[in-house]
Protein backbone atom coordinates (compact mmCIF):
# COMPACT_ATOMS: atom_id res chain seq x y z
CA MET A 1 -38.42 3.24 -17.93
CA TYR A 2 -36.21 3.06 -21.00
CA CYS A 3 -33.05 3.69 -18.98
CA THR A 4 -34.18 1.19 -16.32
CA HIS A 5 -34.64 -1.45 -19.00
CA VAL A 6 -31.25 -0.62 -20.49
CA TYR A 7 -29.68 -0.73 -17.03
CA GLU A 8 -31.01 -4.25 -16.48
CA ARG A 9 -29.38 -5.33 -19.73
CA LEU A 10 -26.16 -3.47 -19.03
CA SER A 11 -25.82 -4.79 -15.50
CA TYR A 12 -24.43 -8.04 -16.83
CA PRO A 13 -20.97 -8.46 -18.39
CA PRO A 14 -19.58 -7.37 -20.77
CA TYR A 15 -21.56 -4.13 -20.28
CA SER A 16 -20.52 -1.38 -17.90
CA THR A 17 -21.95 1.51 -15.89
CA ARG A 18 -20.14 3.93 -18.20
CA ALA A 19 -22.10 2.59 -21.16
CA PHE A 20 -25.29 2.99 -19.17
CA ASN A 21 -24.52 6.65 -18.43
CA ASN A 22 -23.76 7.40 -22.07
CA THR A 23 -27.00 5.76 -23.14
CA CYS A 24 -29.07 7.84 -20.73
CA ASP A 25 -27.28 11.11 -21.43
CA THR A 26 -27.75 10.95 -25.21
CA MET A 27 -31.21 11.59 -26.61
CA ASN A 28 -32.30 9.56 -29.58
CA ILE A 29 -33.95 11.00 -32.67
CA PHE A 30 -37.43 10.03 -31.46
CA ASP A 31 -36.97 11.95 -28.20
CA ILE A 32 -35.80 15.05 -30.06
CA ALA A 33 -38.67 14.80 -32.57
CA ALA A 34 -41.16 14.38 -29.71
CA ILE A 35 -39.90 17.55 -28.04
CA LEU A 36 -40.02 19.59 -31.25
CA ILE A 37 -43.47 18.39 -32.32
CA GLY A 38 -44.77 18.83 -28.79
CA LEU A 39 -43.47 22.40 -28.53
CA SER A 40 -44.77 23.22 -32.02
CA ALA A 41 -48.24 22.04 -31.03
CA LEU A 42 -48.15 23.86 -27.68
CA PHE A 43 -46.83 27.15 -29.06
CA GLY A 44 -49.18 26.92 -32.04
CA PHE A 45 -52.13 26.50 -29.67
CA VAL A 46 -51.02 29.50 -27.56
CA ASN A 47 -50.61 31.62 -30.68
CA HIS A 48 -54.02 30.58 -32.03
CA ARG A 49 -55.83 31.34 -28.79
CA VAL A 50 -53.86 34.36 -27.53
CA LEU A 51 -51.62 36.13 -30.07
CA HIS A 52 -53.55 35.49 -33.29
CA LEU A 53 -50.39 35.98 -35.38
CA PRO A 54 -49.74 34.08 -38.62
CA HIS A 55 -48.85 30.56 -37.51
CA THR A 56 -45.15 30.49 -38.41
CA ILE A 57 -44.49 34.04 -37.21
CA GLY A 58 -46.27 33.25 -33.95
CA LEU A 59 -44.05 30.21 -33.44
CA VAL A 60 -40.90 32.29 -33.94
CA VAL A 61 -42.12 35.00 -31.54
CA ILE A 62 -43.14 32.57 -28.78
CA ALA A 63 -39.99 30.45 -29.17
CA LEU A 64 -37.79 33.54 -29.14
CA VAL A 65 -39.50 34.96 -26.04
CA SER A 66 -39.27 31.58 -24.31
CA SER A 67 -35.57 31.31 -25.17
CA LEU A 68 -34.80 34.79 -23.86
CA THR A 69 -36.81 34.01 -20.72
CA LEU A 70 -34.70 30.91 -20.10
CA VAL A 71 -31.53 32.92 -20.61
CA GLY A 72 -32.81 35.47 -18.08
CA LEU A 73 -33.67 32.73 -15.57
CA ASP A 74 -30.15 31.36 -15.84
CA LEU A 75 -28.78 34.80 -15.06
CA VAL A 76 -31.12 35.36 -12.10
CA LEU A 77 -31.02 31.76 -10.80
CA PRO A 78 -27.62 30.41 -11.85
CA ASP A 79 -28.06 27.19 -9.87
CA VAL A 80 -31.15 26.12 -11.83
CA HIS A 81 -29.51 25.72 -15.29
CA ILE A 82 -32.82 25.46 -17.15
CA GLY A 83 -31.53 27.33 -20.21
CA ALA A 84 -28.31 25.33 -20.19
CA ASP A 85 -30.25 22.04 -20.11
CA VAL A 86 -32.43 23.10 -23.04
CA SER A 87 -29.33 24.28 -24.90
CA ARG A 88 -27.77 20.83 -24.54
CA VAL A 89 -30.82 19.29 -26.20
CA LEU A 90 -30.69 21.80 -29.07
CA GLN A 91 -26.97 21.21 -29.54
CA GLU A 92 -27.77 17.63 -30.48
CA ILE A 93 -29.62 19.03 -33.51
CA ASP A 94 -27.33 20.08 -36.35
CA PHE A 95 -29.43 22.90 -37.81
CA ASN A 96 -27.55 22.90 -41.09
CA GLU A 97 -27.82 19.11 -41.51
CA ALA A 98 -31.48 19.04 -40.43
CA LEU A 99 -32.54 21.72 -42.90
CA MET A 100 -30.18 21.53 -45.85
CA LYS A 101 -29.94 17.73 -45.98
CA GLY A 102 -33.40 16.82 -44.77
CA MET A 103 -36.34 19.17 -44.36
CA LEU A 104 -35.56 21.49 -47.27
CA SER A 105 -36.20 18.89 -49.97
CA PHE A 106 -39.72 18.20 -48.70
CA LEU A 107 -40.52 21.87 -48.16
CA LEU A 108 -39.37 22.91 -51.64
CA PHE A 109 -41.24 20.07 -53.34
CA ALA A 110 -44.42 20.86 -51.39
CA GLY A 111 -44.13 24.53 -52.34
CA ALA A 112 -43.43 23.87 -56.02
CA LEU A 113 -46.33 21.41 -56.17
CA HIS A 114 -48.85 24.25 -55.77
CA VAL A 115 -47.29 26.75 -58.20
CA ASP A 116 -49.17 27.33 -61.46
CA ILE A 117 -46.57 26.76 -64.16
CA SER A 118 -48.49 28.84 -66.71
CA GLU A 119 -48.30 31.90 -64.44
CA LEU A 120 -44.66 31.05 -63.78
CA ALA A 121 -43.92 30.90 -67.51
CA SER A 122 -45.59 34.25 -68.13
CA GLY A 123 -43.20 35.89 -65.66
CA LYS A 124 -40.15 33.78 -66.50
CA TRP A 125 -37.77 36.63 -67.34
CA PRO A 126 -38.25 38.65 -64.14
CA ILE A 127 -37.98 35.41 -62.14
CA ILE A 128 -34.81 34.27 -63.93
CA LEU A 129 -33.13 37.67 -63.63
CA MET A 130 -34.02 38.14 -59.95
CA ALA A 131 -33.00 34.57 -59.08
CA THR A 132 -29.62 34.85 -60.84
CA LEU A 133 -28.44 38.39 -61.53
CA GLY A 134 -30.41 39.69 -58.55
CA VAL A 135 -28.72 37.30 -56.13
CA LEU A 136 -25.29 38.12 -57.57
CA VAL A 137 -25.85 41.90 -57.37
CA SER A 138 -27.28 41.66 -53.86
CA THR A 139 -24.28 39.59 -52.72
CA PHE A 140 -21.78 42.21 -53.83
CA VAL A 141 -23.84 45.19 -52.63
CA ILE A 142 -24.23 43.68 -49.16
CA GLY A 143 -20.65 42.45 -49.04
CA GLY A 144 -19.14 45.74 -50.16
CA VAL A 145 -21.25 47.98 -47.93
CA MET A 146 -20.84 45.74 -44.87
CA TRP A 147 -17.08 45.56 -45.38
CA ALA A 148 -16.80 49.36 -45.61
CA GLY A 149 -19.30 50.03 -42.82
CA LEU A 150 -17.72 47.62 -40.34
CA GLN A 151 -14.35 49.32 -40.82
CA LEU A 152 -15.96 52.51 -39.51
CA PHE A 153 -17.15 50.65 -36.41
CA GLY A 154 -13.71 49.20 -35.84
CA ILE A 155 -14.85 45.64 -36.58
CA PRO A 156 -12.35 43.99 -38.92
CA LEU A 157 -13.97 41.74 -41.53
CA PRO A 158 -12.06 40.92 -44.73
CA LEU A 159 -13.90 41.69 -47.95
CA ILE A 160 -14.08 38.03 -48.99
CA TRP A 161 -15.83 37.11 -45.71
CA ALA A 162 -18.17 40.06 -46.10
CA LEU A 163 -19.06 38.58 -49.51
CA VAL A 164 -19.65 35.21 -47.86
CA PHE A 165 -22.22 36.94 -45.62
CA GLY A 166 -23.69 38.65 -48.68
CA ALA A 167 -24.09 35.31 -50.45
CA LEU A 168 -25.81 33.52 -47.57
CA ILE A 169 -28.22 36.37 -46.75
CA SER A 170 -29.16 37.37 -50.32
CA PRO A 171 -31.52 34.54 -51.32
CA THR A 172 -35.08 34.96 -50.15
CA ASP A 173 -36.18 31.92 -48.19
CA PRO A 174 -38.81 29.88 -50.10
CA VAL A 175 -40.20 28.43 -46.87
CA ALA A 176 -40.80 31.84 -45.33
CA VAL A 177 -42.01 33.42 -48.58
CA LEU A 178 -44.44 30.64 -49.51
CA GLY A 179 -45.81 30.72 -45.96
CA LEU A 180 -46.28 34.47 -46.34
CA LEU A 181 -48.22 34.10 -49.59
CA LYS A 182 -50.86 32.07 -47.75
CA THR A 183 -51.74 35.13 -45.67
CA ILE A 184 -52.00 37.84 -48.34
CA GLN A 185 -54.12 38.43 -51.43
CA VAL A 186 -52.13 39.46 -54.51
CA PRO A 187 -52.68 39.06 -58.27
CA PRO A 188 -51.76 35.58 -59.59
CA SER A 189 -48.98 37.05 -61.76
CA LEU A 190 -47.33 38.71 -58.75
CA GLU A 191 -47.77 35.61 -56.62
CA ALA A 192 -46.03 33.56 -59.32
CA LYS A 193 -43.11 36.03 -59.43
CA ILE A 194 -42.66 35.97 -55.64
CA ALA A 195 -43.02 32.19 -55.36
CA GLY A 196 -40.96 31.41 -58.46
CA GLU A 197 -38.08 33.65 -57.48
CA SER A 198 -37.93 32.27 -53.94
CA LEU A 199 -38.02 28.66 -55.17
CA PHE A 200 -35.11 29.13 -57.58
CA ASN A 201 -32.90 31.74 -55.96
CA ASP A 202 -32.15 29.58 -52.93
CA GLY A 203 -30.56 26.96 -55.19
CA VAL A 204 -28.57 29.66 -57.00
CA GLY A 205 -27.67 31.29 -53.68
CA VAL A 206 -26.39 28.04 -52.16
CA VAL A 207 -24.14 27.43 -55.17
CA LEU A 208 -22.85 31.02 -55.07
CA PHE A 209 -22.26 30.73 -51.32
CA SER A 210 -20.27 27.50 -51.82
CA ILE A 211 -18.07 29.13 -54.47
CA ILE A 212 -17.30 32.26 -52.45
CA LEU A 213 -16.71 30.21 -49.30
CA ALA A 214 -14.25 28.01 -51.21
CA VAL A 215 -12.36 31.13 -52.27
CA ALA A 216 -12.47 32.47 -48.69
CA VAL A 217 -11.04 29.36 -47.05
CA GLY A 218 -8.61 28.74 -49.92
CA SER A 219 -8.12 25.65 -52.04
CA GLN A 220 -5.56 22.95 -51.29
CA GLN A 221 -4.98 22.55 -55.01
CA GLY A 222 -4.33 26.20 -55.67
CA VAL A 223 -6.30 29.27 -56.68
CA VAL A 224 -9.72 28.68 -58.19
CA GLY A 225 -9.95 30.45 -61.55
CA PRO A 226 -12.93 32.21 -63.17
CA LEU A 227 -13.50 29.39 -65.67
CA GLU A 228 -13.62 26.79 -62.91
CA ILE A 229 -16.11 28.95 -60.99
CA LEU A 230 -18.34 29.39 -64.05
CA GLU A 231 -18.17 25.67 -64.83
CA LEU A 232 -19.11 24.77 -61.25
CA PHE A 233 -22.04 27.19 -61.30
CA VAL A 234 -23.41 25.96 -64.64
CA VAL A 235 -22.95 22.28 -63.83
CA GLU A 236 -24.57 22.47 -60.39
CA THR A 237 -27.58 24.59 -61.39
CA GLY A 238 -28.11 23.21 -64.90
CA GLY A 239 -27.39 19.64 -63.85
CA GLY A 240 -29.84 19.96 -60.97
CA ALA A 241 -32.56 21.18 -63.34
CA VAL A 242 -31.97 18.29 -65.78
CA LEU A 243 -31.97 15.74 -62.95
CA GLY A 244 -35.23 17.14 -61.57
CA LEU A 245 -36.86 17.01 -65.01
CA LEU A 246 -35.79 13.41 -65.63
CA ALA A 247 -36.82 12.25 -62.16
CA GLY A 248 -40.16 14.04 -62.43
CA TYR A 249 -40.82 12.43 -65.81
CA LEU A 250 -40.04 8.94 -64.49
CA ALA A 251 -42.39 9.47 -61.54
CA PHE A 252 -45.04 10.82 -63.93
CA ARG A 253 -44.83 7.70 -66.12
CA ALA A 254 -45.10 5.46 -63.08
CA MET A 255 -48.13 7.35 -61.75
CA ARG A 256 -49.87 7.41 -65.12
CA GLY A 257 -49.79 3.61 -65.32
CA ILE A 258 -51.70 3.05 -62.06
CA ASP A 259 -54.65 4.43 -60.11
CA GLU A 260 -53.84 3.79 -56.45
CA TYR A 261 -53.54 6.94 -54.39
CA ALA A 262 -51.54 5.42 -51.50
CA LEU A 263 -48.90 4.08 -53.89
CA GLU A 264 -48.78 7.32 -55.88
CA VAL A 265 -48.24 9.35 -52.72
CA LEU A 266 -45.42 6.94 -51.87
CA ILE A 267 -43.93 7.45 -55.34
CA SER A 268 -43.96 11.22 -54.81
CA LEU A 269 -42.22 10.76 -51.47
CA ALA A 270 -39.59 8.54 -53.07
CA LEU A 271 -39.19 11.09 -55.87
CA VAL A 272 -38.22 13.79 -53.40
CA MET A 273 -35.85 11.73 -51.30
CA VAL A 274 -34.09 9.87 -54.10
CA THR A 275 -33.73 12.96 -56.30
CA TYR A 276 -32.25 15.03 -53.49
CA ALA A 277 -29.90 12.22 -52.44
CA VAL A 278 -28.69 11.64 -56.02
CA ALA A 279 -28.16 15.38 -56.51
CA ASN A 280 -26.05 15.62 -53.36
CA ALA A 281 -24.01 12.56 -54.35
CA ALA A 282 -23.45 13.92 -57.87
CA HIS A 283 -22.60 17.44 -56.60
CA LEU A 284 -25.62 18.96 -58.33
CA SER A 285 -28.10 21.44 -56.90
CA GLY A 286 -30.58 19.41 -54.86
CA PRO A 287 -32.91 22.37 -54.22
CA ILE A 288 -33.26 23.13 -57.94
CA ALA A 289 -33.76 19.44 -58.74
CA VAL A 290 -36.69 18.97 -56.34
CA VAL A 291 -38.25 22.29 -57.39
CA ILE A 292 -38.27 21.21 -61.05
CA ALA A 293 -39.65 17.80 -60.08
CA GLY A 294 -42.33 19.44 -57.94
CA LEU A 295 -43.39 21.78 -60.74
CA PHE A 296 -43.60 18.84 -63.16
CA ILE A 297 -45.72 16.66 -60.88
CA GLY A 298 -47.84 19.54 -59.56
CA ASN A 299 -48.86 20.62 -63.03
CA HIS A 300 -48.34 17.94 -65.69
CA GLY A 301 -48.64 15.06 -63.25
CA VAL A 302 -51.79 16.23 -61.51
CA ARG A 303 -53.46 17.00 -64.86
CA PHE A 304 -52.57 13.90 -66.87
CA ALA A 305 -51.36 11.14 -64.52
CA MET A 306 -53.80 11.15 -61.60
CA SER A 307 -57.46 10.63 -60.94
CA GLU A 308 -59.30 13.29 -58.99
CA THR A 309 -59.17 11.11 -55.86
CA THR A 310 -55.42 10.58 -56.16
CA SER A 311 -54.62 14.24 -56.79
CA ASP A 312 -56.77 15.22 -53.80
CA HIS A 313 -54.95 12.80 -51.49
CA LEU A 314 -51.51 13.68 -52.84
CA LEU A 315 -51.97 17.44 -52.54
CA LYS A 316 -53.46 17.14 -49.06
CA PHE A 317 -50.58 14.90 -47.95
CA TRP A 318 -47.97 17.40 -49.09
CA THR A 319 -49.91 20.35 -47.69
CA LEU A 320 -50.04 18.72 -44.27
CA SER A 321 -46.36 17.70 -44.48
CA ASP A 322 -45.49 21.27 -45.41
CA GLU A 323 -47.40 22.67 -42.42
CA ILE A 324 -45.78 20.28 -39.94
CA LEU A 325 -42.23 20.80 -41.21
CA ASN A 326 -42.79 24.56 -41.41
CA SER A 327 -43.86 24.58 -37.78
CA VAL A 328 -40.79 22.66 -36.64
CA LEU A 329 -38.44 24.83 -38.74
CA PHE A 330 -39.74 28.15 -37.45
CA LEU A 331 -39.79 26.82 -33.90
CA LEU A 332 -36.11 25.92 -34.30
CA ILE A 333 -35.31 29.39 -35.64
CA GLY A 334 -36.76 30.91 -32.47
CA LEU A 335 -35.02 28.42 -30.18
CA GLU A 336 -31.58 28.64 -31.84
CA VAL A 337 -30.85 31.78 -29.83
CA LEU A 338 -30.09 29.43 -26.92
CA VAL A 339 -27.15 27.78 -28.71
CA MET A 340 -25.71 30.98 -30.16
CA ARG A 341 -23.16 33.08 -28.35
CA PHE A 342 -24.14 36.69 -28.92
CA ASP A 343 -21.51 39.35 -28.46
CA LEU A 344 -22.90 42.82 -27.71
CA ALA A 345 -19.91 44.22 -29.58
CA TYR A 346 -21.62 43.01 -32.76
CA LEU A 347 -24.86 44.88 -32.05
CA GLU A 348 -23.78 47.76 -34.29
CA ALA A 349 -22.98 45.31 -37.09
CA ALA A 350 -26.45 43.77 -36.78
CA LEU A 351 -28.17 47.16 -36.83
CA LEU A 352 -26.15 48.10 -39.91
CA ALA A 353 -26.91 44.85 -41.72
CA ILE A 354 -30.70 45.11 -41.51
CA PRO A 355 -31.11 48.25 -43.68
CA VAL A 356 -28.23 47.20 -45.93
CA VAL A 357 -29.97 43.90 -46.76
CA VAL A 358 -33.26 45.72 -47.49
CA VAL A 359 -31.52 48.26 -49.77
CA ALA A 360 -29.65 45.49 -51.59
CA ARG A 361 -32.97 43.73 -52.10
CA LEU A 362 -34.37 46.93 -53.59
CA VAL A 363 -31.45 47.17 -56.02
CA SER A 364 -31.79 43.52 -57.08
CA VAL A 365 -35.53 43.97 -57.75
CA VAL A 366 -35.30 47.34 -59.53
CA LEU A 367 -32.53 46.33 -61.96
CA PRO A 368 -34.67 43.84 -63.96
CA ALA A 369 -37.56 46.33 -63.88
CA LEU A 370 -35.43 48.82 -65.83
CA LEU A 371 -36.00 46.70 -68.94
CA PRO A 372 -39.23 47.96 -70.60
CA ALA A 373 -40.38 44.45 -71.61
CA ILE A 374 -40.20 43.29 -68.00
CA ARG A 375 -41.54 46.49 -66.52
CA ARG A 376 -44.77 46.05 -68.51
CA THR A 377 -45.46 42.76 -66.72
CA TYR A 378 -45.43 44.50 -63.31
CA THR A 379 -48.78 45.47 -61.86
CA PRO A 380 -48.90 48.58 -59.60
CA GLY A 381 -47.31 47.88 -56.24
CA THR A 382 -45.22 44.96 -57.50
CA ILE A 383 -41.79 46.42 -56.68
CA PRO A 384 -42.57 47.42 -53.04
CA LEU A 385 -44.12 44.01 -52.38
CA LEU A 386 -41.23 42.14 -54.01
CA VAL A 387 -38.78 44.13 -51.88
CA TRP A 388 -40.58 43.97 -48.53
CA GLY A 389 -41.90 40.45 -49.11
CA GLY A 390 -38.45 39.03 -49.78
CA LEU A 391 -38.13 37.35 -46.40
CA ARG A 392 -34.99 35.69 -45.12
CA GLY A 393 -35.32 32.50 -43.12
CA GLY A 394 -33.87 29.16 -42.13
CA ILE A 395 -31.64 28.70 -45.18
CA SER A 396 -29.52 31.74 -44.26
CA VAL A 397 -29.20 30.56 -40.65
CA ALA A 398 -28.29 27.04 -41.78
CA LEU A 399 -25.58 28.34 -44.14
CA ALA A 400 -24.17 30.53 -41.36
CA PHE A 401 -24.00 27.52 -39.02
CA SER A 402 -22.16 25.58 -41.74
CA LEU A 403 -19.24 28.04 -41.79
CA PRO A 404 -15.90 26.62 -40.61
CA ASP A 405 -14.84 27.71 -37.15
CA ASN A 406 -12.74 30.87 -37.39
CA GLU A 407 -12.59 34.38 -35.96
CA TYR A 408 -15.36 35.63 -38.27
CA LYS A 409 -18.01 32.95 -37.76
CA SER A 410 -19.45 34.43 -34.54
CA LEU A 411 -19.87 37.84 -36.18
CA ILE A 412 -21.50 36.45 -39.32
CA LEU A 413 -23.78 34.13 -37.35
CA THR A 414 -24.94 36.92 -35.01
CA VAL A 415 -25.63 39.33 -37.87
CA THR A 416 -27.37 36.66 -39.94
CA TYR A 417 -29.67 35.64 -37.10
CA SER A 418 -30.55 39.26 -36.37
CA VAL A 419 -31.47 39.94 -40.00
CA VAL A 420 -33.56 36.74 -40.22
CA VAL A 421 -35.50 37.49 -37.01
CA PHE A 422 -36.17 41.06 -38.19
CA SER A 423 -37.24 39.77 -41.60
CA ILE A 424 -39.65 37.13 -40.28
CA ILE A 425 -41.19 39.20 -37.50
CA VAL A 426 -41.15 42.81 -38.73
CA GLN A 427 -41.44 42.30 -42.50
CA GLY A 428 -43.63 39.24 -42.13
CA MET A 429 -46.12 41.07 -39.89
CA THR A 430 -46.28 44.25 -41.98
CA VAL A 431 -46.35 42.92 -45.54
CA LYS A 432 -50.06 42.07 -45.37
CA PRO A 433 -51.07 45.67 -44.44
CA LEU A 434 -48.71 46.88 -47.18
CA ALA A 435 -50.40 44.59 -49.73
CA THR A 436 -53.82 45.78 -48.60
CA LYS A 437 -52.75 49.40 -48.99
CA LEU A 438 -51.13 48.95 -52.39
CA MET A 439 -53.80 46.63 -53.78
CA PRO A 440 -57.06 47.47 -52.03
CA GLN A 441 -59.07 45.86 -54.81
CA GLN A 442 -57.72 42.39 -53.98
């Protein structure tokens, strides 16, 4: 009906049939959103009634199976083009733009809103070390081992591009990790460590990825020196934290002066969007900014600036938003296989990367635990759960999609997607039994 209506308007000069065709061929944002929400609801229903998997994992599994089925149908029935048609719809969605410049800000704020800052403060040193030194160590372990290992398989990948892969795959995904924490029972101190690390290390990881990528592609103004790299890192991460604190405080003062839950929910929504937009414009870390703002409002704001009615509405609003966006994100992760061009020659690289990433995660977790003061804060079973519960997710895939087109992008994208799917499905489905085994009293 929409195209018929448009045709009636376009049938008169100065419009043309060509304009009509372009209008009908291009889907608008509402159409795309309708498809994604519809599929999320359908696949979620199937998972709830049939598979009984954790919601987000079930969405990835069903979407992945559906995608592979469509690929198989295209091979068996080449004249049907079902997979190709679905791929064209997905190609209109820029995964990197959708996540990194849209969904991520809401997801991080919603996650930070529910984190107990007192538990976070009690485990601040393990969280800081894992989110900074841990990401750096993991990047170089993964990069170095992948570079050496791929040479043995006859797959040429320069060391700097291996480090780019190490940087984008090292941060644990806060969306995946926070979703995981809803399904397992662990001590509050361990939950704070897992949640806190995942909320902060993605911001650190994105900055580190940007720096290494800049070195990899080269700079038009010359070689980037160590001091410039350190300055960029400190300014982006530290500046993001300061911006988030200031924005959170302004929102807190506004909320404290009123008692109207609809308006206060709107203020929280504006806080997220404006803070993230300002951070991007000022070249600061948007993820760190909204995490700090979320922690401030979720703890200080809820306690001192809101009535019980307002805090109930605000927390429920962000919980529901988090669930909806999580569903769409994990659905997209499963469907993205349709727009990727897998090369079987990279299968060995993918199989190598999976254990390498897990081992690098182990190294990054164990290093802080070598300090006696930090080790004492670890309850039994903490290290295995930190290692195996460090899921990778949409952020790694989005960063891989953001790489400039070159001869290494296909390899990095294929390996990244393989690691993420393994992490979400295999690690995500087995971490709960592991937690039950290590902490039977919980």
